[in-house]
Amino acid sequence: MPRYLSMIRIDEQNAPAEGPSDALMERMGELIEEMTKAGVLLDTSGLTPTAQGTRVRWEGGELSVTDGPFTEAKEVVGGYAMLQAKDRAEAVEWTKRFLQIHEAHWTVTCEVREIVEG
């Protein structure tokens, strides 16, 4: 079965300062358990803020290293889920369910892409 990476994109500047609510974390735990039991979820995690990140760039034959935060970035990858699904439609359905457990004040975008095998 193909594997998919769902990259969870957030706008760090407009994300709730208090982070996820206890109710959201509970719903997320329940969904993660369901996905794991279904054999769909291979791995998932949140990422630290960009202020704690480093970008390494190759351009014009030279390397540059920049420490965060990256203020020019509107959306950043705030987490990921590695899914194994029968097809892209199934991976997208699980991703929709993940997004729908968030409260209305969250703005979250997930980009679902198939992992190239072999």
N, C-alpha and C. Protein backbone atom coordinates (compact mmCIF):
# COMPACT_ATOMS: atom_id res chain seq x y z
N MET A 1 0.85 -1.19 0.00
CA MET A 1 0.00 0.00 0.00
C MET A 1 0.88 1.24 0.00
N PRO A 2 0.45 2.26 -0.71
CA PRO A 2 1.26 3.48 -0.77
C PRO A 2 1.27 4.23 0.57
N ARG A 3 2.33 4.99 0.75
CA ARG A 3 2.47 5.82 1.95
C ARG A 3 2.32 7.29 1.54
N TYR A 4 1.79 8.08 2.46
CA TYR A 4 1.54 9.49 2.22
C TYR A 4 2.05 10.30 3.41
N LEU A 5 2.56 11.48 3.10
CA LEU A 5 2.97 12.41 4.14
C LEU A 5 1.96 13.54 4.17
N SER A 6 1.34 13.74 5.30
CA SER A 6 0.44 14.86 5.50
C SER A 6 1.20 15.91 6.30
N MET A 7 1.57 16.99 5.63
CA MET A 7 2.31 18.08 6.29
C MET A 7 1.30 19.07 6.84
N ILE A 8 1.36 19.29 8.13
CA ILE A 8 0.41 20.14 8.82
C ILE A 8 0.98 21.55 8.86
N ARG A 9 0.35 22.44 8.12
CA ARG A 9 0.84 23.81 8.01
C ARG A 9 0.00 24.75 8.88
N ILE A 10 0.70 25.62 9.61
CA ILE A 10 0.04 26.61 10.45
C ILE A 10 0.69 27.96 10.22
N ASP A 11 -0.02 29.00 10.58
CA ASP A 11 0.52 30.35 10.60
C ASP A 11 0.92 30.61 12.05
N GLU A 12 2.21 30.54 12.34
CA GLU A 12 2.67 30.68 13.73
C GLU A 12 2.24 32.01 14.36
N GLN A 13 2.17 33.05 13.56
CA GLN A 13 1.84 34.37 14.10
C GLN A 13 0.37 34.50 14.48
N ASN A 14 -0.49 33.63 13.93
CA ASN A 14 -1.92 33.70 14.24
C ASN A 14 -2.44 32.45 14.95
N ALA A 15 -1.56 31.55 15.31
CA ALA A 15 -1.98 30.35 16.05
C ALA A 15 -2.33 30.76 17.48
N PRO A 16 -3.27 30.06 18.11
CA PRO A 16 -3.62 30.39 19.49
C PRO A 16 -2.39 30.35 20.40
N ALA A 17 -2.16 31.43 21.13
CA ALA A 17 -0.97 31.54 21.98
C ALA A 17 -0.91 30.44 23.03
N GLU A 18 -2.08 30.01 23.49
CA GLU A 18 -2.12 28.98 24.53
C GLU A 18 -1.93 27.58 23.99
N GLY A 19 -1.85 27.47 22.66
CA GLY A 19 -1.67 26.16 22.03
C GLY A 19 -2.97 25.38 22.01
N PRO A 20 -2.90 24.09 21.74
CA PRO A 20 -4.10 23.26 21.66
C PRO A 20 -4.79 23.15 23.02
N SER A 21 -6.10 23.17 23.01
CA SER A 21 -6.87 23.00 24.25
C SER A 21 -6.79 21.56 24.71
N ASP A 22 -7.15 21.34 25.97
CA ASP A 22 -7.19 19.97 26.50
C ASP A 22 -8.20 19.13 25.72
N ALA A 23 -9.34 19.74 25.35
CA ALA A 23 -10.36 19.02 24.59
C ALA A 23 -9.83 18.61 23.22
N LEU A 24 -9.09 19.52 22.56
CA LEU A 24 -8.50 19.19 21.26
C LEU A 24 -7.49 18.05 21.41
N MET A 25 -6.66 18.13 22.41
CA MET A 25 -5.66 17.07 22.62
C MET A 25 -6.34 15.72 22.88
N GLU A 26 -7.46 15.75 23.59
CA GLU A 26 -8.20 14.50 23.84
C GLU A 26 -8.76 13.94 22.53
N ARG A 27 -9.39 14.80 21.72
CA ARG A 27 -9.93 14.35 20.44
C ARG A 27 -8.81 13.85 19.53
N MET A 28 -7.67 14.53 19.56
CA MET A 28 -6.54 14.12 18.74
C MET A 28 -6.04 12.74 19.18
N GLY A 29 -5.95 12.53 20.48
CA GLY A 29 -5.54 11.22 21.00
C GLY A 29 -6.47 10.11 20.56
N GLU A 30 -7.78 10.38 20.59
CA GLU A 30 -8.76 9.38 20.17
C GLU A 30 -8.62 9.07 18.68
N LEU A 31 -8.43 10.11 17.86
CA LEU A 31 -8.27 9.89 16.42
C LEU A 31 -6.97 9.14 16.13
N ILE A 32 -5.90 9.51 16.80
CA ILE A 32 -4.61 8.82 16.61
C ILE A 32 -4.75 7.34 16.97
N GLU A 33 -5.46 7.06 18.05
CA GLU A 33 -5.67 5.66 18.44
C GLU A 33 -6.47 4.92 17.38
N GLU A 34 -7.52 5.54 16.86
CA GLU A 34 -8.34 4.92 15.82
C GLU A 34 -7.52 4.66 14.55
N MET A 35 -6.73 5.65 14.16
CA MET A 35 -5.91 5.50 12.95
C MET A 35 -4.84 4.43 13.12
N THR A 36 -4.28 4.35 14.31
CA THR A 36 -3.26 3.34 14.59
C THR A 36 -3.88 1.94 14.53
N LYS A 37 -5.04 1.77 15.15
CA LYS A 37 -5.72 0.48 15.13
C LYS A 37 -6.12 0.07 13.72
N ALA A 38 -6.45 1.06 12.88
CA ALA A 38 -6.83 0.78 11.49
C ALA A 38 -5.62 0.49 10.61
N GLY A 39 -4.42 0.66 11.16
CA GLY A 39 -3.20 0.40 10.40
C GLY A 39 -2.84 1.50 9.42
N VAL A 40 -3.46 2.67 9.57
CA VAL A 40 -3.25 3.78 8.65
C VAL A 40 -2.11 4.69 9.12
N LEU A 41 -2.05 4.95 10.41
CA LEU A 41 -1.07 5.90 10.94
C LEU A 41 0.24 5.19 11.26
N LEU A 42 1.30 5.58 10.57
CA LEU A 42 2.63 5.00 10.79
C LEU A 42 3.44 5.82 11.78
N ASP A 43 3.25 7.16 11.74
CA ASP A 43 4.00 8.04 12.63
C ASP A 43 3.35 9.42 12.59
N THR A 44 3.45 10.16 13.67
CA THR A 44 2.95 11.53 13.70
C THR A 44 3.65 12.29 14.81
N SER A 45 3.79 13.60 14.62
CA SER A 45 4.38 14.42 15.66
C SER A 45 4.23 15.89 15.30
N GLY A 46 4.27 16.71 16.31
CA GLY A 46 4.33 18.15 16.12
C GLY A 46 5.80 18.56 16.04
N LEU A 47 6.04 19.75 15.56
CA LEU A 47 7.39 20.28 15.45
C LEU A 47 7.53 21.52 16.34
N THR A 48 8.75 21.78 16.78
CA THR A 48 9.00 22.98 17.58
C THR A 48 8.80 24.21 16.70
N PRO A 49 8.59 25.38 17.32
CA PRO A 49 8.41 26.61 16.53
C PRO A 49 9.65 26.93 15.69
N THR A 50 9.43 27.71 14.63
CA THR A 50 10.54 28.06 13.74
C THR A 50 11.63 28.84 14.46
N ALA A 51 11.28 29.49 15.57
CA ALA A 51 12.29 30.21 16.34
C ALA A 51 13.39 29.27 16.83
N GLN A 52 13.08 27.99 16.92
CA GLN A 52 14.04 27.00 17.37
C GLN A 52 14.63 26.19 16.21
N GLY A 53 14.34 26.61 14.98
CA GLY A 53 14.79 25.87 13.81
C GLY A 53 15.98 26.53 13.12
N THR A 54 16.55 25.81 12.19
CA THR A 54 17.66 26.29 11.37
C THR A 54 17.40 25.90 9.93
N ARG A 55 17.62 26.83 9.01
CA ARG A 55 17.50 26.54 7.59
C ARG A 55 18.89 26.44 6.99
N VAL A 56 19.10 25.40 6.22
CA VAL A 56 20.35 25.21 5.49
C VAL A 56 19.98 25.27 4.01
N ARG A 57 20.61 26.19 3.29
CA ARG A 57 20.24 26.43 1.89
C ARG A 57 21.46 26.28 0.99
N TRP A 58 21.23 25.67 -0.16
CA TRP A 58 22.24 25.52 -1.21
C TRP A 58 21.80 26.37 -2.38
N GLU A 59 22.59 27.37 -2.74
CA GLU A 59 22.23 28.25 -3.84
C GLU A 59 23.50 28.79 -4.48
N GLY A 60 23.56 28.72 -5.80
CA GLY A 60 24.71 29.26 -6.53
C GLY A 60 26.02 28.62 -6.13
N GLY A 61 25.96 27.34 -5.74
CA GLY A 61 27.17 26.63 -5.37
C GLY A 61 27.67 26.93 -3.97
N GLU A 62 26.85 27.61 -3.16
CA GLU A 62 27.27 27.95 -1.79
C GLU A 62 26.19 27.58 -0.78
N LEU A 63 26.65 27.23 0.41
CA LEU A 63 25.76 26.92 1.52
C LEU A 63 25.56 28.15 2.39
N SER A 64 24.34 28.31 2.90
CA SER A 64 24.09 29.32 3.93
C SER A 64 23.27 28.67 5.03
N VAL A 65 23.48 29.13 6.25
CA VAL A 65 22.78 28.61 7.41
C VAL A 65 22.14 29.79 8.13
N THR A 66 20.82 29.69 8.36
CA THR A 66 20.08 30.76 9.01
C THR A 66 19.29 30.18 10.16
N ASP A 67 19.44 30.77 11.33
CA ASP A 67 18.65 30.36 12.49
C ASP A 67 17.31 31.09 12.48
N GLY A 68 16.27 30.41 13.00
CA GLY A 68 14.94 31.00 13.08
C GLY A 68 14.88 32.07 14.14
N PRO A 69 13.80 32.79 14.24
CA PRO A 69 12.55 32.56 13.51
C PRO A 69 12.62 33.07 12.08
N PHE A 70 11.73 32.58 11.26
CA PHE A 70 11.70 32.93 9.84
C PHE A 70 10.46 33.78 9.61
N THR A 71 10.57 35.06 9.86
CA THR A 71 9.42 35.97 9.85
C THR A 71 8.78 36.12 8.48
N GLU A 72 9.53 35.86 7.41
CA GLU A 72 8.96 36.00 6.07
C GLU A 72 8.01 34.86 5.71
N ALA A 73 8.02 33.80 6.49
CA ALA A 73 7.18 32.64 6.19
C ALA A 73 5.77 32.87 6.72
N LYS A 74 4.78 32.80 5.85
CA LYS A 74 3.38 32.93 6.27
C LYS A 74 2.92 31.63 6.93
N GLU A 75 3.08 30.52 6.23
CA GLU A 75 2.72 29.22 6.78
C GLU A 75 3.98 28.39 6.95
N VAL A 76 4.05 27.64 8.03
CA VAL A 76 5.18 26.77 8.28
C VAL A 76 4.66 25.37 8.61
N VAL A 77 5.49 24.38 8.42
CA VAL A 77 5.11 23.02 8.78
C VAL A 77 5.20 22.92 10.31
N GLY A 78 4.07 22.68 10.93
CA GLY A 78 4.00 22.59 12.39
C GLY A 78 3.95 21.17 12.89
N GLY A 79 3.81 20.22 11.97
CA GLY A 79 3.76 18.82 12.34
C GLY A 79 3.54 17.98 11.10
N TYR A 80 3.43 16.69 11.31
CA TYR A 80 3.27 15.79 10.17
C TYR A 80 2.56 14.51 10.63
N ALA A 81 2.03 13.81 9.65
CA ALA A 81 1.51 12.45 9.88
C ALA A 81 1.94 11.61 8.68
N MET A 82 2.49 10.46 8.97
CA MET A 82 2.87 9.50 7.93
C MET A 82 1.76 8.46 7.88
N LEU A 83 1.09 8.39 6.73
CA LEU A 83 -0.06 7.50 6.58
C LEU A 83 0.24 6.40 5.57
N GLN A 84 -0.40 5.26 5.77
CA GLN A 84 -0.37 4.19 4.79
C GLN A 84 -1.83 3.91 4.44
N ALA A 85 -2.19 4.19 3.20
CA ALA A 85 -3.58 4.09 2.79
C ALA A 85 -3.68 3.39 1.44
N LYS A 86 -4.88 2.91 1.12
CA LYS A 86 -5.04 2.20 -0.15
C LYS A 86 -4.87 3.13 -1.34
N ASP A 87 -5.19 4.44 -1.14
CA ASP A 87 -5.02 5.41 -2.22
C ASP A 87 -5.05 6.83 -1.63
N ARG A 88 -4.84 7.81 -2.49
CA ARG A 88 -4.80 9.20 -2.04
C ARG A 88 -6.14 9.63 -1.43
N ALA A 89 -7.24 9.16 -2.00
CA ALA A 89 -8.56 9.53 -1.47
C ALA A 89 -8.71 9.13 -0.01
N GLU A 90 -8.25 7.92 0.34
CA GLU A 90 -8.33 7.49 1.73
C GLU A 90 -7.44 8.35 2.62
N ALA A 91 -6.23 8.66 2.16
CA ALA A 91 -5.33 9.51 2.94
C ALA A 91 -5.94 10.89 3.16
N VAL A 92 -6.59 11.42 2.14
CA VAL A 92 -7.24 12.73 2.25
C VAL A 92 -8.41 12.67 3.23
N GLU A 93 -9.18 11.59 3.23
CA GLU A 93 -10.30 11.45 4.16
C GLU A 93 -9.82 11.45 5.61
N TRP A 94 -8.76 10.72 5.91
CA TRP A 94 -8.21 10.73 7.27
C TRP A 94 -7.70 12.12 7.62
N THR A 95 -7.10 12.81 6.67
CA THR A 95 -6.60 14.16 6.91
C THR A 95 -7.75 15.12 7.19
N LYS A 96 -8.84 14.99 6.48
CA LYS A 96 -10.03 15.81 6.73
C LYS A 96 -10.53 15.60 8.16
N ARG A 97 -10.56 14.37 8.58
CA ARG A 97 -11.00 14.07 9.95
C ARG A 97 -10.09 14.74 10.97
N PHE A 98 -8.79 14.72 10.70
CA PHE A 98 -7.84 15.38 11.59
C PHE A 98 -8.15 16.87 11.67
N LEU A 99 -8.37 17.51 10.54
CA LEU A 99 -8.63 18.95 10.53
C LEU A 99 -9.94 19.28 11.25
N GLN A 100 -10.95 18.44 11.08
CA GLN A 100 -12.27 18.72 11.65
C GLN A 100 -12.34 18.60 13.17
N ILE A 101 -11.35 18.02 13.82
CA ILE A 101 -11.37 17.96 15.28
C ILE A 101 -10.91 19.27 15.91
N HIS A 102 -10.34 20.18 15.10
CA HIS A 102 -9.88 21.47 15.61
C HIS A 102 -11.06 22.41 15.85
N GLU A 103 -10.92 23.28 16.84
CA GLU A 103 -11.92 24.30 17.08
C GLU A 103 -11.91 25.31 15.93
N ALA A 104 -13.00 26.06 15.80
CA ALA A 104 -13.17 26.99 14.68
C ALA A 104 -12.12 28.10 14.64
N HIS A 105 -11.51 28.46 15.79
CA HIS A 105 -10.53 29.55 15.78
C HIS A 105 -9.17 29.14 15.24
N TRP A 106 -8.96 27.86 14.94
CA TRP A 106 -7.72 27.38 14.34
C TRP A 106 -7.78 27.55 12.83
N THR A 107 -6.65 27.89 12.24
CA THR A 107 -6.49 27.85 10.78
C THR A 107 -5.35 26.88 10.52
N VAL A 108 -5.68 25.73 9.96
CA VAL A 108 -4.72 24.67 9.73
C VAL A 108 -4.91 24.17 8.30
N THR A 109 -3.81 23.97 7.61
CA THR A 109 -3.83 23.42 6.25
C THR A 109 -2.95 22.18 6.23
N CYS A 110 -3.41 21.13 5.62
CA CYS A 110 -2.59 19.93 5.46
C CYS A 110 -2.34 19.70 3.98
N GLU A 111 -1.10 19.46 3.65
CA GLU A 111 -0.73 19.09 2.28
C GLU A 111 -0.43 17.60 2.29
N VAL A 112 -1.17 16.84 1.51
CA VAL A 112 -1.02 15.39 1.45
C VAL A 112 -0.28 15.03 0.17
N ARG A 113 0.86 14.34 0.33
CA ARG A 113 1.66 13.95 -0.83
C ARG A 113 2.11 12.51 -0.70
N GLU A 114 2.04 11.80 -1.81
CA GLU A 114 2.48 10.40 -1.82
C GLU A 114 4.00 10.34 -1.75
N ILE A 115 4.49 9.36 -1.02
CA ILE A 115 5.93 9.15 -0.90
C ILE A 115 6.39 8.27 -2.06
N VAL A 116 7.41 8.71 -2.73
CA VAL A 116 7.95 7.94 -3.86
C VAL A 116 8.67 6.73 -3.31
N GLU A 117 8.26 5.56 -3.74
CA GLU A 117 8.87 4.31 -3.28
C GLU A 117 9.92 3.83 -4.28
N GLY A 118 10.95 3.21 -3.76
CA GLY A 118 11.95 2.56 -4.59
C GLY A 118 12.89 3.50 -5.22
